[in-house]
Amino acid sequence: MFIDQVTISVKAGDGGDGCCSFRREKHIPLGGPDGGDGGRGGDVILQVDPNLSTLIDLRYKKLYQAENGKPGKGNQMTGRSGKDLMVCLPPGTLVKNKETDELLVDLKEPGQQFVVVEGGNYGQGNIRFKSATNRAPKKISTGKPGESCQLFLELKLLADVGIIGFPNAGKSTLISRISNARPKVAGYPFTTLVPNLGIVRLDEGESFVAADIPGLIEGAHKGKGLGHQFLRHIERTRLLLHLIDFSDIDSDNILDRYHKLQNELKAFSENLFDKPQILVATKMDDPQSLINLEKVKPFMKEINSSLLTISSLTGEGIEQLLWKIKEGLAIGEDSET
């Protein structure tokens, strides 16, 4: 099950109280104070685990609480500090304060850590309050409560390339052809219900990560179909592959679908709409696709000069597409620097 949004509560440990104690030793009738300090409360720490790809482990447990510090004891013994609690999250997780919607941290790098709530400070034992005028203090301080808050966790997949298109455009077939991903492939809409990540390796030892996004439909930015739920996963990508099924018996549908999907990207996010795109005509092994290509190619070239034709079934045009993607990603890197 792919879970990409959860709300949890986190509570750091409370600090342990200081101890009020006096020495009781033979031959020392006026033993002084010897109460030790309490232990500090444990922190709650978020850590990136590259082996995770979903937030499902956090779906059913809603409270994450670190250990409290132990109280101090006599003979100047300090209480044990509470153990920190480590919460593992997949790379690409945005951590927000649920109440204020403030972004606390964007967890991207493997092993990255973030202390989200800190444990309470320790209380002081009565030995701390001994003075020249107060040789037998009974005063102590209590431990401070640990911080707590409610978090909203949102996973946005980390991929270089996002593969988008209407249902049955051939997205899953393409990613299974070019990468190690093995999504379900079938001849009916919405076969893909969750995003699929695949590592694509090129001949020169270079690679990139591609994400197959479930089929979009008109109104996706409003929540229709599966689009609204997964459009945010391509916000981090550097390049988009827009796949269009050219085997449709009505060639007018090809241009119509192109404009509809572009409108959905723009309505969801200007940033998403402005990303570099490679336009890909799919299913070119079908004779109808060749007929449609001749009809609409001039119009498509005006819209997007990077129109490529492929057949994921036969492998036609796949190598050319991969090197076009490499070129697009290299341009993106240059613009970032």
Protein backbone atom coordinates (compact mmCIF):
# COMPACT_ATOMS: atom_id res chain seq x y z
CA MET A 1 0.00 0.00 0.00
CA PHE A 2 1.36 3.42 -0.97
CA ILE A 3 0.77 6.00 1.78
CA ASP A 4 2.17 9.49 1.16
CA GLN A 5 0.42 11.65 3.79
CA VAL A 6 0.07 11.04 7.53
CA THR A 7 -0.45 13.07 10.69
CA ILE A 8 1.35 12.04 13.88
CA SER A 9 1.95 13.47 17.34
CA VAL A 10 5.45 13.60 18.80
CA LYS A 11 6.34 14.11 22.47
CA ALA A 12 9.85 14.47 23.84
CA GLY A 13 10.66 13.03 27.26
CA ASP A 14 10.20 15.08 30.44
CA GLY A 15 13.24 15.90 32.54
CA GLY A 16 13.66 13.96 35.78
CA ASP A 17 13.13 15.75 39.13
CA GLY A 18 16.02 16.60 41.42
CA CYS A 19 16.34 14.63 44.68
CA CYS A 20 16.10 15.99 48.23
CA SER A 21 18.42 13.83 50.33
CA PHE A 22 20.85 14.17 53.28
CA ARG A 23 23.86 12.09 54.14
CA ARG A 24 23.26 9.59 56.91
CA GLU A 25 26.69 8.23 57.78
CA LYS A 26 28.03 6.85 61.03
CA HIS A 27 30.10 9.34 62.99
CA ILE A 28 28.82 12.22 60.78
CA PRO A 29 25.81 13.47 62.73
CA LEU A 30 25.41 16.64 60.70
CA GLY A 31 25.69 15.17 57.20
CA GLY A 32 24.96 17.68 54.49
CA PRO A 33 22.68 17.53 51.44
CA ASP A 34 23.53 14.97 48.78
CA GLY A 35 20.49 14.89 46.49
CA GLY A 36 21.49 14.41 42.84
CA ASP A 37 20.07 15.97 39.68
CA GLY A 38 17.49 14.29 37.50
CA GLY A 39 18.17 13.03 33.98
CA ARG A 40 17.36 14.94 30.82
CA GLY A 41 14.37 13.85 28.75
CA GLY A 42 14.97 12.13 25.41
CA ASP A 43 14.57 13.89 22.05
CA VAL A 44 12.43 12.73 19.13
CA ILE A 45 14.67 12.55 16.06
CA LEU A 46 13.56 12.10 12.45
CA GLN A 47 15.98 10.18 10.23
CA VAL A 48 15.98 9.44 6.50
CA ASP A 49 16.03 5.73 5.68
CA PRO A 50 16.71 5.13 1.94
CA ASN A 51 15.16 1.66 2.21
CA LEU A 52 11.71 3.18 2.81
CA SER A 53 9.47 4.39 -0.02
CA THR A 54 6.17 5.04 1.75
CA LEU A 55 4.79 6.35 5.05
CA ILE A 56 2.69 3.25 5.69
CA ASP A 57 4.65 2.34 8.84
CA LEU A 58 3.37 5.52 10.49
CA ARG A 59 -0.26 5.13 9.46
CA TYR A 60 -1.50 3.16 12.46
CA LYS A 61 0.67 4.54 15.25
CA LYS A 62 -0.25 8.13 16.02
CA LEU A 63 1.88 8.99 19.06
CA TYR A 64 5.67 8.83 19.16
CA GLN A 65 7.08 9.56 22.61
CA ALA A 66 10.68 9.58 23.81
CA GLU A 67 11.65 8.30 27.24
CA ASN A 68 11.42 10.51 30.32
CA GLY A 69 14.52 11.29 32.36
CA LYS A 70 14.82 9.45 35.69
CA PRO A 71 14.76 11.38 39.02
CA GLY A 72 17.99 11.96 40.92
CA LYS A 73 18.94 9.93 43.98
CA GLY A 74 20.86 10.36 47.20
CA ASN A 75 24.63 10.18 47.46
CA GLN A 76 24.78 12.74 44.63
CA MET A 77 23.55 10.18 42.07
CA THR A 78 22.27 11.72 38.85
CA GLY A 79 19.19 10.18 37.27
CA ARG A 80 19.57 8.44 33.92
CA SER A 81 18.71 10.54 30.88
CA GLY A 82 15.80 9.36 28.75
CA LYS A 83 16.58 7.54 25.52
CA ASP A 84 16.07 9.44 22.29
CA LEU A 85 13.38 8.11 19.95
CA MET A 86 14.39 7.68 16.29
CA VAL A 87 11.59 7.83 13.71
CA CYS A 88 12.63 6.62 10.24
CA LEU A 89 11.13 8.29 7.15
CA PRO A 90 11.61 7.79 3.40
CA PRO A 91 13.68 10.31 1.43
CA GLY A 92 11.57 13.15 0.08
CA THR A 93 9.44 13.64 3.20
CA LEU A 94 8.28 17.17 4.01
CA VAL A 95 7.71 17.72 7.74
CA LYS A 96 5.24 20.45 8.67
CA ASN A 97 3.78 21.72 11.92
CA LYS A 98 0.16 20.62 11.68
CA GLU A 99 -1.21 23.65 13.54
CA THR A 100 0.78 26.42 11.84
CA ASP A 101 1.51 24.70 8.47
CA GLU A 102 5.14 25.80 8.91
CA LEU A 103 7.67 23.69 7.00
CA LEU A 104 10.10 22.38 9.62
CA VAL A 105 12.42 20.35 7.39
CA ASP A 106 12.68 18.76 3.96
CA LEU A 107 14.28 15.35 4.44
CA LYS A 108 16.16 14.40 1.26
CA GLU A 109 19.58 12.92 1.98
CA PRO A 110 20.08 9.32 3.23
CA GLY A 111 20.96 9.35 6.92
CA GLN A 112 19.88 12.99 7.37
CA GLN A 113 18.61 13.68 10.90
CA PHE A 114 16.43 16.37 12.43
CA VAL A 115 15.56 16.86 16.09
CA VAL A 116 11.88 17.71 15.83
CA VAL A 117 11.16 18.07 19.58
CA GLU A 118 13.72 18.39 22.38
CA GLY A 119 13.58 16.65 25.73
CA GLY A 120 12.95 18.62 28.91
CA ASN A 121 15.87 19.81 31.01
CA TYR A 122 16.69 18.05 34.27
CA GLY A 123 15.67 19.17 37.73
CA GLN A 124 18.37 20.01 40.29
CA GLY A 125 18.93 18.15 43.54
CA ASN A 126 19.15 19.90 46.91
CA ILE A 127 22.96 19.78 46.92
CA ARG A 128 22.77 22.51 44.27
CA PHE A 129 21.12 24.89 46.72
CA LYS A 130 23.63 24.54 49.58
CA SER A 131 25.15 27.86 50.65
CA ALA A 132 26.97 29.44 53.55
CA THR A 133 23.66 30.62 55.00
CA ASN A 134 21.66 27.51 54.16
CA ARG A 135 23.66 24.41 55.05
CA ALA A 136 20.72 22.00 54.89
CA PRO A 137 18.49 23.08 51.98
CA LYS A 138 15.35 21.11 51.27
CA LYS A 139 14.81 22.91 48.02
CA ILE A 140 14.91 21.09 44.69
CA SER A 141 13.75 21.90 41.16
CA THR A 142 11.51 19.69 39.08
CA GLY A 143 12.31 18.52 35.57
CA LYS A 144 10.96 20.52 32.65
CA PRO A 145 8.37 18.97 30.36
CA GLY A 146 9.55 17.87 26.93
CA GLU A 147 8.38 19.64 23.80
CA SER A 148 5.45 18.24 21.85
CA CYS A 149 3.64 19.00 18.63
CA GLN A 150 1.51 17.48 15.90
CA LEU A 151 3.24 16.86 12.58
CA PHE A 152 1.90 16.59 9.06
CA LEU A 153 4.18 14.39 6.95
CA GLU A 154 3.96 14.57 3.17
CA LEU A 155 6.03 12.40 0.87
CA LYS A 156 7.10 13.80 -2.47
CA LEU A 157 9.05 11.29 -4.50
CA LEU A 158 12.61 12.15 -5.49
CA ALA A 159 12.94 11.51 -9.22
CA ASP A 160 14.78 13.20 -12.08
CA VAL A 161 12.13 12.47 -14.71
CA GLY A 162 8.34 12.33 -14.36
CA ILE A 163 6.39 10.28 -16.91
CA ILE A 164 2.90 11.74 -17.40
CA GLY A 165 -0.03 11.20 -19.71
CA PHE A 166 -3.66 10.18 -19.93
CA PRO A 167 -4.65 6.62 -18.94
CA ASN A 168 -3.38 3.94 -21.36
CA ALA A 169 -0.75 6.24 -22.87
CA GLY A 170 1.91 3.57 -22.29
CA LYS A 171 3.64 5.00 -19.20
CA SER A 172 3.94 1.72 -17.28
CA THR A 173 5.09 -0.17 -20.37
CA LEU A 174 7.78 2.42 -21.01
CA ILE A 175 9.18 2.46 -17.47
CA SER A 176 9.24 -1.34 -17.39
CA ARG A 177 11.14 -1.28 -20.70
CA ILE A 178 13.81 1.22 -19.68
CA SER A 179 14.28 0.48 -15.97
CA ASN A 180 14.16 -2.14 -13.23
CA ALA A 181 10.59 -1.16 -12.28
CA ARG A 182 7.89 -3.79 -12.82
CA PRO A 183 4.52 -2.05 -12.64
CA LYS A 184 1.28 -3.77 -13.56
CA VAL A 185 0.59 -3.43 -17.29
CA ALA A 186 -2.88 -4.02 -18.78
CA GLY A 187 -5.12 -2.75 -21.54
CA TYR A 188 -7.57 -0.82 -19.39
CA PRO A 189 -7.46 2.63 -17.76
CA PHE A 190 -5.97 3.24 -14.31
CA THR A 191 -3.89 0.08 -14.24
CA THR A 192 -1.32 2.10 -12.31
CA LEU A 193 -2.75 3.15 -8.94
CA VAL A 194 0.47 4.32 -7.28
CA PRO A 195 3.65 6.01 -8.58
CA ASN A 196 6.43 3.66 -9.64
CA LEU A 197 10.11 4.55 -9.39
CA GLY A 198 12.71 3.01 -11.69
CA ILE A 199 16.45 3.50 -12.10
CA VAL A 200 17.38 3.96 -15.76
CA ARG A 201 21.00 3.11 -16.61
CA LEU A 202 22.68 4.53 -19.72
CA ASP A 203 25.56 3.02 -21.67
CA GLU A 204 28.24 5.26 -20.20
CA GLY A 205 27.58 4.28 -16.61
CA GLU A 206 25.27 7.22 -16.05
CA SER A 207 21.78 6.81 -14.63
CA PHE A 208 18.67 8.73 -13.64
CA VAL A 209 15.52 8.00 -11.66
CA ALA A 210 12.17 8.02 -13.47
CA ALA A 211 8.71 8.12 -11.88
CA ASP A 212 5.62 6.71 -13.61
CA ILE A 213 2.66 8.81 -12.42
CA PRO A 214 -0.87 7.30 -12.49
CA GLY A 215 -2.96 8.41 -15.46
CA LEU A 216 -4.26 11.96 -15.41
CA ILE A 217 -7.66 13.04 -16.65
CA GLU A 218 -9.40 16.36 -17.18
CA GLY A 219 -10.13 17.87 -13.75
CA ALA A 220 -7.20 16.10 -12.08
CA HIS A 221 -6.12 19.31 -10.32
CA LYS A 222 -9.54 19.34 -8.62
CA GLY A 223 -9.20 15.77 -7.42
CA LYS A 224 -10.83 13.85 -10.28
CA GLY A 225 -9.39 10.44 -11.02
CA LEU A 226 -6.05 9.82 -9.32
CA GLY A 227 -4.25 12.93 -10.56
CA HIS A 228 -4.60 15.36 -7.68
CA GLN A 229 -3.29 12.78 -5.24
CA PHE A 230 -0.10 12.22 -7.24
CA LEU A 231 0.58 15.43 -9.19
CA ARG A 232 2.68 16.69 -6.28
CA HIS A 233 5.10 13.79 -6.79
CA ILE A 234 6.39 15.33 -10.03
CA GLU A 235 6.96 18.77 -8.50
CA ARG A 236 10.54 17.77 -7.61
CA THR A 237 11.39 16.36 -11.05
CA ARG A 238 13.71 18.22 -13.41
CA LEU A 239 12.13 16.99 -16.63
CA LEU A 240 8.74 15.68 -17.77
CA LEU A 241 7.99 13.06 -20.42
CA HIS A 242 4.52 13.74 -21.79
CA LEU A 243 3.29 10.51 -23.42
CA ILE A 244 0.42 10.59 -25.92
CA ASP A 245 -1.25 7.50 -27.39
CA PHE A 246 -1.15 8.00 -31.17
CA SER A 247 -3.17 4.85 -31.94
CA ASP A 248 -6.53 6.59 -31.36
CA ILE A 249 -8.87 6.17 -34.33
CA ASP A 250 -9.76 9.88 -34.11
CA SER A 251 -6.66 12.01 -34.64
CA ASP A 252 -8.40 15.10 -33.23
CA ASN A 253 -8.33 13.45 -29.80
CA ILE A 254 -4.53 13.54 -29.83
CA LEU A 255 -4.26 17.33 -29.86
CA ASP A 256 -7.22 17.60 -27.49
CA ARG A 257 -5.60 15.34 -24.90
CA TYR A 258 -2.34 17.25 -25.16
CA HIS A 259 -3.98 20.59 -24.36
CA LYS A 260 -6.13 19.14 -21.59
CA LEU A 261 -3.15 17.68 -19.76
CA GLN A 262 -1.16 20.90 -20.12
CA ASN A 263 -4.09 22.80 -18.64
CA GLU A 264 -4.14 20.41 -15.68
CA LEU A 265 -0.44 21.00 -15.00
CA LYS A 266 -0.91 24.76 -15.16
CA ALA A 267 -3.99 24.70 -12.92
CA PHE A 268 -2.16 22.64 -10.31
CA SER A 269 1.09 24.62 -10.30
CA GLU A 270 2.78 27.18 -12.55
CA ASN A 271 6.10 25.69 -11.51
CA LEU A 272 4.97 22.28 -12.77
CA PHE A 273 3.72 23.73 -16.04
CA ASP A 274 7.04 25.53 -16.65
CA LYS A 275 9.20 22.41 -16.31
CA PRO A 276 11.01 21.26 -19.48
CA GLN A 277 9.00 18.64 -21.35
CA ILE A 278 9.75 16.03 -23.98
CA LEU A 279 6.70 15.12 -26.03
CA VAL A 280 6.51 11.42 -26.87
CA ALA A 281 4.20 9.76 -29.39
CA THR A 282 3.64 6.17 -28.22
CA LYS A 283 2.45 2.88 -29.73
CA MET A 284 4.10 3.53 -33.09
CA ASP A 285 3.94 -0.22 -33.81
CA ASP A 286 0.22 0.33 -34.53
CA PRO A 287 -0.50 1.26 -38.21
CA GLN A 288 -3.09 3.81 -37.05
CA SER A 289 -0.34 5.65 -35.16
CA LEU A 290 1.61 6.19 -38.38
CA ILE A 291 -1.47 7.61 -40.08
CA ASN A 292 -2.14 9.97 -37.18
CA LEU A 293 1.49 11.05 -37.04
CA GLU A 294 1.33 12.34 -40.60
CA LYS A 295 -1.86 14.26 -39.78
CA VAL A 296 -0.85 15.95 -36.55
CA LYS A 297 2.96 16.08 -36.67
CA PRO A 298 3.10 19.65 -38.06
CA PHE A 299 0.83 20.88 -35.28
CA MET A 300 2.69 18.95 -32.57
CA LYS A 301 6.05 20.28 -33.76
CA GLU A 302 4.73 23.82 -33.40
CA ILE A 303 3.67 23.05 -29.83
CA ASN A 304 6.81 21.17 -28.80
CA SER A 305 9.87 20.84 -31.03
CA SER A 306 11.14 17.82 -29.10
CA LEU A 307 8.46 15.41 -30.37
CA LEU A 308 9.82 11.84 -30.44
CA THR A 309 8.16 8.63 -31.58
CA ILE A 310 8.53 5.31 -29.76
CA SER A 311 7.13 1.83 -29.44
CA SER A 312 7.75 0.32 -26.02
CA LEU A 313 6.60 -3.01 -27.42
CA THR A 314 9.23 -3.25 -30.19
CA GLY A 315 11.84 -0.90 -28.73
CA GLU A 316 11.62 1.52 -31.66
CA GLY A 317 12.91 5.01 -30.68
CA ILE A 318 13.73 4.03 -27.08
CA GLU A 319 17.49 4.60 -27.34
CA GLN A 320 16.96 7.99 -28.99
CA LEU A 321 14.53 8.92 -26.20
CA LEU A 322 17.00 7.97 -23.47
CA TRP A 323 19.74 10.16 -24.91
CA LYS A 324 17.26 13.00 -25.38
CA ILE A 325 16.44 12.68 -21.68
CA LYS A 326 20.15 12.72 -20.81
CA GLU A 327 20.57 15.88 -22.86
CA GLY A 328 17.57 17.50 -21.15
CA LEU A 329 18.84 16.66 -17.68
CA ALA A 330 22.30 18.05 -18.51
CA ILE A 331 20.74 21.33 -19.62
CA GLY A 332 18.77 21.42 -16.37
CA GLU A 333 21.98 20.97 -14.36
CA ASP A 334 23.66 23.83 -16.24
CA SER A 335 20.73 26.16 -15.55
CA GLU A 336 20.78 25.29 -11.83
CA THR A 337 24.47 26.15 -11.55
